[in-house]
């Protein structure tokens, strides 16, 4: 059986964590798998059921991880890196596959230090050159890889992500709704954002638009932001300065902090509208999760987002605050618009299935080893 090693140190990260948690349980029967990472954390996600756990704790993007790789990757047929921080040193793997989800670190270099800029440019180029195959999530990122790196087109493989409709579905059970609302102290009427607070997520503009909505609106609406606001090298400090300087926004913008994945469907289900104003996404899972939970979506018309959302969302120019205000008010006040978006959302999510995503990974891994 093919001996597959997987770097799982980012299993608890938002997008890449969801990717790993969704793919591994669907492919393990086809491989003899070894997972590198925090053993205690991997056990919480039941990874011990799928293969061998090997302790590997150096921080991503560090010299320590490069020093440690050769001692951890032993007699592998295939090494799969779910992010571009691949080993640049020799390791005992016959073949390598890397997944590159986006080129954010090259597109938004102004948000990085000189050291970070050098690392991103060097490592992304190294990832596409030393890997035998490169997976990416969208046609958009496929084009970005060709634009920003010297990747050979024959190495590239587009495999879209999925949405777990067993987990993400409309929650109508009143007891569940009540418990989740109480657990996170959620207001009755709110606009929802799910994701991190890096600058390219464009939350500062969302906050500015929300302030205008508050000034012009009659309803008592809140903005709920689900996601970590600590721990990012380049978090959006402008956002927090804006909030600290405005008493009304401090009362009406609510950060939930960490949210258990099983509670997310209820948060989506209770929201009046989900807003995703990101300037740049390699794929963007949250809009699909919101659609699966029957929540109408407003999304930006940039990067891969139109490719993912199709006709199932209301699009906004992410650089235009007035446009964002107009679209938010429209969804909040137009019931017919909401119904239409919800119906289209349910149809759209049928195009994104983790089972199909996993099958394509299995096929690619097998082809890489036989070429």
Protein backbone atom coordinates (compact mmCIF):
# COMPACT_ATOMS: atom_id res chain seq x y z
CA UNK A 1 0.00 0.00 0.00
CA UNK A 2 1.17 3.53 -0.79
CA UNK A 3 2.91 5.13 2.22
CA UNK A 4 1.52 8.65 2.41
CA UNK A 5 2.95 11.23 4.84
CA UNK A 6 0.86 14.34 5.56
CA UNK A 7 1.99 17.52 7.33
CA UNK A 8 -0.97 18.15 9.66
CA UNK A 9 0.36 20.96 11.84
CA UNK A 10 -2.34 23.28 10.48
CA UNK A 11 -5.20 20.91 11.26
CA UNK A 12 -6.73 23.48 13.60
CA UNK A 13 -6.36 26.44 11.23
CA UNK A 14 -9.52 27.74 9.59
CA UNK A 15 -9.39 26.97 5.85
CA UNK A 16 -6.51 24.50 5.72
CA UNK A 17 -7.78 22.79 8.86
CA UNK A 18 -11.19 22.24 7.28
CA UNK A 19 -9.47 20.95 4.15
CA UNK A 20 -7.46 18.35 6.11
CA UNK A 21 -10.34 17.33 8.35
CA UNK A 22 -12.56 16.81 5.30
CA UNK A 23 -10.11 14.96 3.04
CA UNK A 24 -8.25 12.61 5.40
CA UNK A 25 -11.29 10.56 6.59
CA UNK A 26 -12.29 10.06 2.96
CA UNK A 27 -8.95 8.81 1.61
CA UNK A 28 -7.25 6.86 4.42
CA UNK A 29 -8.48 3.44 3.26
CA UNK A 30 -6.44 3.82 0.08
CA UNK A 31 -3.12 4.61 1.77
CA UNK A 32 -0.88 3.72 4.68
CA UNK A 33 -0.91 7.14 6.29
CA UNK A 34 1.42 8.96 8.69
CA UNK A 35 0.44 12.33 10.11
CA UNK A 36 2.99 14.89 11.30
CA UNK A 37 1.87 17.33 13.96
CA UNK A 38 0.66 17.81 17.51
CA UNK A 39 -0.35 14.29 18.58
CA UNK A 40 -2.74 15.46 21.30
CA UNK A 41 -4.52 17.78 18.84
CA UNK A 42 -4.65 15.16 16.10
CA UNK A 43 -6.22 12.71 18.55
CA UNK A 44 -9.00 15.22 19.22
CA UNK A 45 -9.82 15.05 15.52
CA UNK A 46 -9.64 11.21 15.64
CA UNK A 47 -6.70 11.07 13.23
CA UNK A 48 -5.34 8.09 15.14
CA UNK A 49 -8.11 6.07 13.45
CA UNK A 50 -6.64 6.84 10.04
CA UNK A 51 -2.95 6.18 10.50
CA UNK A 52 0.21 6.69 12.53
CA UNK A 53 0.78 9.93 14.45
CA UNK A 54 4.29 11.42 14.59
CA UNK A 55 5.12 14.34 16.86
CA UNK A 56 6.27 17.36 14.84
CA UNK A 57 5.83 20.74 16.50
CA UNK A 58 8.09 23.40 14.93
CA UNK A 59 6.23 26.57 13.87
CA UNK A 60 5.26 26.89 10.22
CA UNK A 61 7.49 29.22 8.17
CA UNK A 62 10.40 28.51 10.55
CA UNK A 63 13.98 27.31 10.22
CA UNK A 64 13.16 24.64 12.81
CA UNK A 65 10.66 22.98 10.51
CA UNK A 66 13.25 22.74 7.74
CA UNK A 67 15.79 21.21 10.13
CA UNK A 68 13.20 18.77 11.44
CA UNK A 69 11.66 17.47 8.19
CA UNK A 70 14.43 14.96 7.30
CA UNK A 71 14.12 13.33 10.72
CA UNK A 72 10.33 12.93 10.47
CA UNK A 73 9.67 12.05 6.83
CA UNK A 74 10.99 8.50 6.65
CA UNK A 75 10.54 6.00 3.82
CA UNK A 76 7.52 7.73 2.32
CA UNK A 77 6.19 6.98 -1.13
CA UNK A 78 4.49 10.35 -1.16
CA UNK A 79 4.66 13.49 0.98
CA UNK A 80 1.59 15.73 0.82
CA UNK A 81 1.98 19.32 2.07
CA UNK A 82 -1.42 21.08 2.39
CA UNK A 83 0.30 24.50 2.41
CA UNK A 84 3.30 25.95 0.61
CA UNK A 85 5.70 25.63 3.59
CA UNK A 86 7.23 22.50 2.10
CA UNK A 87 10.57 20.94 3.05
CA UNK A 88 13.25 22.51 0.87
CA UNK A 89 15.81 20.06 2.23
CA UNK A 90 16.04 16.46 0.96
CA UNK A 91 13.55 14.09 2.58
CA UNK A 92 12.99 10.36 2.13
CA UNK A 93 9.89 10.65 -0.03
CA UNK A 94 9.81 9.33 -3.58
CA UNK A 95 7.32 11.97 -4.70
CA UNK A 96 5.86 15.21 -3.37
CA UNK A 97 2.51 16.94 -3.78
CA UNK A 98 1.75 20.43 -2.49
CA UNK A 99 -1.58 22.23 -2.24
CA UNK A 100 -1.40 25.98 -2.79
CA UNK A 101 -4.69 27.63 -1.93
CA UNK A 102 -3.88 31.19 -2.91
CA UNK A 103 -1.07 33.65 -3.65
CA UNK A 104 -2.08 36.15 -0.99
CA UNK A 105 1.48 36.43 0.32
CA UNK A 106 2.70 37.53 -3.11
CA UNK A 107 -0.26 39.71 -4.09
CA UNK A 108 -0.36 41.68 -0.81
CA UNK A 109 3.37 41.99 -0.18
CA UNK A 110 2.87 45.47 1.28
CA UNK A 111 1.39 43.82 4.37
CA UNK A 112 4.56 41.81 4.99
CA UNK A 113 7.94 42.67 6.42
CA UNK A 114 11.02 42.47 4.20
CA UNK A 115 11.89 39.09 5.70
CA UNK A 116 8.35 37.79 5.15
CA UNK A 117 8.35 39.02 1.55
CA UNK A 118 11.57 37.18 0.79
CA UNK A 119 10.31 34.01 2.46
CA UNK A 120 6.99 34.00 0.56
CA UNK A 121 8.58 34.61 -2.84
CA UNK A 122 11.33 32.05 -2.27
CA UNK A 123 9.13 29.35 -0.76
CA UNK A 124 6.27 29.60 -3.23
CA UNK A 125 8.68 29.31 -6.13
CA UNK A 126 10.44 26.43 -4.40
CA UNK A 127 7.12 24.69 -3.71
CA UNK A 128 6.12 24.60 -7.38
CA UNK A 129 9.60 23.63 -8.56
CA UNK A 130 10.45 20.74 -6.21
CA UNK A 131 6.94 19.27 -5.99
CA UNK A 132 5.95 16.66 -8.53
CA UNK A 133 2.39 17.95 -8.61
CA UNK A 134 0.59 21.09 -7.43
CA UNK A 135 -3.06 21.11 -6.34
CA UNK A 136 -5.02 24.33 -6.31
CA UNK A 137 -8.66 25.02 -5.47
CA UNK A 138 -9.83 27.24 -8.33
CA UNK A 139 -9.25 28.38 -11.90
CA UNK A 140 -8.47 31.79 -10.42
CA UNK A 141 -5.53 30.49 -8.37
CA UNK A 142 -4.39 28.37 -11.32
CA UNK A 143 -4.00 31.61 -13.28
CA UNK A 144 -2.35 33.33 -10.32
CA UNK A 145 0.25 30.57 -10.05
CA UNK A 146 1.12 30.97 -13.71
CA UNK A 147 1.29 34.75 -13.28
CA UNK A 148 3.43 34.87 -10.14
CA UNK A 149 5.57 31.73 -10.31
CA UNK A 150 7.49 29.72 -12.86
CA UNK A 151 5.31 26.65 -12.42
CA UNK A 152 5.04 24.20 -15.30
CA UNK A 153 1.41 24.00 -16.40
CA UNK A 154 1.52 20.22 -16.57
CA UNK A 155 2.10 20.12 -12.80
CA UNK A 156 -1.08 22.04 -12.00
CA UNK A 157 -4.32 20.33 -10.98
CA UNK A 158 -7.54 22.17 -10.12
CA UNK A 159 -9.54 20.37 -7.43
CA UNK A 160 -12.33 22.45 -5.92
CA UNK A 161 -13.24 22.15 -2.27
CA UNK A 162 -16.55 20.93 -0.86
CA UNK A 163 -19.16 21.74 1.73
CA UNK A 164 -20.26 19.22 4.36
CA UNK A 165 -24.05 19.26 4.06
CA UNK A 166 -24.35 16.75 6.90
CA UNK A 167 -22.93 19.43 9.20
CA UNK A 168 -23.92 22.62 7.43
CA UNK A 169 -27.71 22.67 7.13
CA UNK A 170 -30.49 24.96 8.28
CA UNK A 171 -30.93 24.67 12.05
CA UNK A 172 -34.57 25.04 13.07
CA UNK A 173 -34.56 23.24 16.39
CA UNK A 174 -35.48 25.93 18.92
CA UNK A 175 -33.57 24.30 21.75
CA UNK A 176 -30.37 24.20 19.72
CA UNK A 177 -30.86 27.79 18.58
CA UNK A 178 -31.49 28.93 22.14
CA UNK A 179 -28.41 27.14 23.54
CA UNK A 180 -26.07 28.51 20.85
CA UNK A 181 -27.47 32.03 21.18
CA UNK A 182 -26.91 31.89 24.94
CA UNK A 183 -23.46 30.28 24.64
CA UNK A 184 -22.11 33.14 22.52
CA UNK A 185 -24.40 35.91 23.85
CA UNK A 186 -25.76 36.52 20.35
CA UNK A 187 -28.15 39.39 19.63
CA UNK A 188 -31.56 38.78 18.08
CA UNK A 189 -30.86 40.43 14.72
CA UNK A 190 -27.38 40.38 13.22
CA UNK A 191 -25.24 40.52 10.13
CA UNK A 192 -22.62 37.75 10.11
CA UNK A 193 -19.01 37.46 9.00
CA UNK A 194 -16.96 34.26 9.43
CA UNK A 195 -13.21 34.24 8.91
CA UNK A 196 -10.00 35.79 10.16
CA UNK A 197 -9.11 39.47 10.46
CA UNK A 198 -6.21 39.74 8.05
CA UNK A 199 -6.18 43.01 6.08
CA UNK A 200 -7.21 41.43 2.76
CA UNK A 201 -10.46 40.27 4.37
CA UNK A 202 -11.53 43.93 4.11
CA UNK A 203 -13.30 44.08 7.47
CA UNK A 204 -12.46 47.73 7.97
CA UNK A 205 -14.67 48.61 4.99
CA UNK A 206 -17.40 46.31 6.29
CA UNK A 207 -17.28 48.13 9.64
CA UNK A 208 -17.48 51.50 7.87
CA UNK A 209 -20.48 50.32 5.86
CA UNK A 210 -22.12 48.92 8.97
CA UNK A 211 -21.75 52.28 10.71
CA UNK A 212 -23.68 53.93 7.88
CA UNK A 213 -26.35 51.22 8.03
CA UNK A 214 -26.74 51.93 11.74
CA UNK A 215 -27.02 55.66 11.16
CA UNK A 216 -29.72 55.26 8.50
CA UNK A 217 -31.61 52.27 9.85
CA UNK A 218 -34.51 51.94 12.23
CA UNK A 219 -33.83 48.39 13.34
CA UNK A 220 -31.47 47.41 16.11
CA UNK A 221 -29.02 45.30 14.14
CA UNK A 222 -25.60 44.03 15.18
CA UNK A 223 -22.52 42.80 13.33
CA UNK A 224 -21.22 39.45 14.58
CA UNK A 225 -17.67 38.50 13.61
CA UNK A 226 -16.73 34.84 14.03
CA UNK A 227 -13.00 34.19 13.98
CA UNK A 228 -9.79 34.79 15.84
CA UNK A 229 -8.53 38.34 16.15
CA UNK A 230 -5.22 37.40 17.80
CA UNK A 231 -2.18 35.54 16.56
CA UNK A 232 -1.81 36.83 13.00
CA UNK A 233 1.46 38.31 11.81
CA UNK A 234 -0.40 40.88 9.72
CA UNK A 235 -3.76 41.36 11.40
CA UNK A 236 -5.87 44.39 10.50
CA UNK A 237 -4.85 46.92 13.15
CA UNK A 238 -6.84 49.68 11.41
CA UNK A 239 -9.99 47.72 12.16
CA UNK A 240 -9.41 47.73 15.90
CA UNK A 241 -8.46 51.40 15.94
CA UNK A 242 -11.77 52.15 14.24
CA UNK A 243 -13.73 50.15 16.78
CA UNK A 244 -11.96 51.56 19.81
CA UNK A 245 -12.67 55.11 18.66
CA UNK A 246 -16.43 54.72 18.26
CA UNK A 247 -18.76 54.04 21.21
CA UNK A 248 -21.68 52.89 19.06
CA UNK A 249 -19.58 50.46 17.06
CA UNK A 250 -18.05 49.08 20.26
CA UNK A 251 -21.58 48.16 21.39
CA UNK A 252 -22.85 46.85 18.06
CA UNK A 253 -19.85 44.92 16.71
CA UNK A 254 -19.40 41.64 18.51
CA UNK A 255 -16.47 39.20 18.28
CA UNK A 256 -17.47 35.70 19.33
CA UNK A 257 -13.92 34.42 19.72
CA UNK A 258 -13.44 30.72 19.11
CA UNK A 259 -16.59 28.91 17.96
CA UNK A 260 -16.98 25.13 17.99
CA UNK A 261 -17.49 23.86 14.44
CA UNK A 262 -20.73 22.13 15.43
CA UNK A 263 -22.13 25.51 16.53
CA UNK A 264 -21.42 27.27 13.23
CA UNK A 265 -24.58 26.04 11.43
CA UNK A 266 -26.75 27.63 14.11
CA UNK A 267 -24.86 30.93 13.82
CA UNK A 268 -25.35 30.92 10.04
CA UNK A 269 -29.00 29.91 10.42
CA UNK A 270 -29.81 32.75 12.82
CA UNK A 271 -28.10 35.47 10.77
CA UNK A 272 -30.16 37.84 8.64
CA UNK A 273 -27.39 38.01 6.06
CA UNK A 274 -23.85 36.73 5.64
CA UNK A 275 -21.35 39.28 4.29
CA UNK A 276 -18.02 38.28 2.78
CA UNK A 277 -16.26 41.47 1.55
CA UNK A 278 -12.83 39.90 0.98
CA UNK A 279 -10.45 41.48 -1.50
CA UNK A 280 -8.76 38.18 -2.28
CA UNK A 281 -9.64 34.49 -1.92
CA UNK A 282 -8.19 31.36 -3.43
CA UNK A 283 -11.55 29.69 -2.91
CA UNK A 284 -13.61 30.89 0.06
CA UNK A 285 -15.58 28.25 1.99
CA UNK A 286 -17.73 30.43 4.31
CA UNK A 287 -20.22 31.60 1.63
CA UNK A 288 -20.95 27.97 0.70
CA UNK A 289 -21.39 27.08 4.38
CA UNK A 290 -23.81 30.00 4.77
CA UNK A 291 -25.77 28.94 1.68
CA UNK A 292 -26.05 25.39 3.01
CA UNK A 293 -27.61 26.84 6.19
CA UNK A 294 -30.17 28.90 4.31
CA UNK A 295 -28.49 32.25 4.91
CA UNK A 296 -28.57 34.86 2.09
CA UNK A 297 -25.08 35.97 1.05
CA UNK A 298 -23.48 39.23 0.00
CA UNK A 299 -20.00 38.64 -1.40
CA UNK A 300 -17.32 40.64 -3.18
CA UNK A 301 -16.94 40.41 -6.93
CA UNK A 302 -13.18 39.81 -6.70
CA UNK A 303 -10.73 36.93 -7.17
CA UNK A 304 -12.23 33.40 -7.02
CA UNK A 305 -15.45 34.36 -5.26
CA UNK A 306 -17.69 34.68 -8.37
CA UNK A 307 -16.31 31.35 -9.58
CA UNK A 308 -17.41 29.70 -6.34
CA UNK A 309 -20.70 31.49 -5.66
CA UNK A 310 -22.07 31.65 -9.20
CA UNK A 311 -25.50 33.31 -9.34
CA UNK A 312 -26.34 32.43 -5.74
CA UNK A 313 -25.09 35.61 -4.05
CA UNK A 314 -25.53 39.34 -4.25
CA UNK A 315 -22.25 40.85 -5.48
CA UNK A 316 -20.59 44.00 -4.23
CA UNK A 317 -17.54 46.01 -5.21
CA UNK A 318 -15.34 45.42 -2.14
CA UNK A 319 -13.69 48.83 -2.59
CA UNK A 320 -17.03 50.71 -2.65
CA UNK A 321 -18.48 51.39 0.80
CA UNK A 322 -21.70 52.84 -0.62
CA UNK A 323 -22.30 49.74 -2.71
CA UNK A 324 -21.84 47.58 0.38
CA UNK A 325 -24.28 49.73 2.34
CA UNK A 326 -26.87 49.52 -0.44
CA UNK A 327 -26.64 45.74 -0.72
CA UNK A 328 -26.81 45.17 3.05
CA UNK A 329 -29.89 47.38 3.38
CA UNK A 330 -31.50 45.65 0.40
CA UNK A 331 -31.17 42.20 1.92
CA UNK A 332 -32.22 43.37 5.38
CA UNK A 333 -35.38 44.99 4.02
CA UNK A 334 -36.37 42.90 0.99
CA UNK A 335 -37.87 39.54 1.94
CA UNK A 336 -38.29 38.46 -1.68
CA UNK A 337 -34.59 39.09 -2.33
CA UNK A 338 -33.70 36.93 0.67
CA UNK A 339 -35.93 34.07 -0.45
CA UNK A 340 -34.44 34.15 -3.95
CA UNK A 341 -30.85 34.11 -2.64
CA UNK A 342 -31.58 31.25 -0.24
CA UNK A 343 -33.15 29.13 -2.99
CA UNK A 344 -30.25 29.77 -5.36
CA UNK A 345 -27.80 29.00 -2.55
CA UNK A 346 -29.30 25.57 -1.96
CA UNK A 347 -28.89 24.79 -5.66
CA UNK A 348 -25.34 26.15 -5.78
CA UNK A 349 -23.92 24.01 -2.99
CA UNK A 350 -24.80 20.87 -4.95
CA UNK A 351 -21.75 21.60 -7.13
CA UNK A 352 -19.33 21.23 -4.19
CA UNK A 353 -18.94 17.81 -2.62
CA UNK A 354 -16.12 16.60 -0.37
CA UNK A 355 -16.56 13.05 -1.62
CA UNK A 356 -15.74 14.13 -5.17
CA UNK A 357 -12.88 16.27 -3.91
CA UNK A 358 -11.43 13.28 -2.05
CA UNK A 359 -11.77 10.98 -5.07
CA UNK A 360 -9.79 13.43 -7.18
CA UNK A 361 -7.05 13.56 -4.54
CA UNK A 362 -6.84 9.76 -4.45
CA UNK A 363 -6.60 9.57 -8.23
CA UNK A 364 -3.93 12.28 -8.39
CA UNK A 365 -1.79 10.74 -5.64
CA UNK A 366 -1.87 7.38 -7.41
CA UNK A 367 -1.04 8.94 -10.80
CA UNK A 368 1.89 10.89 -9.37
CA UNK A 369 3.47 7.72 -8.05
CA UNK A 370 3.01 5.82 -11.29
CA UNK A 371 4.48 8.54 -13.54
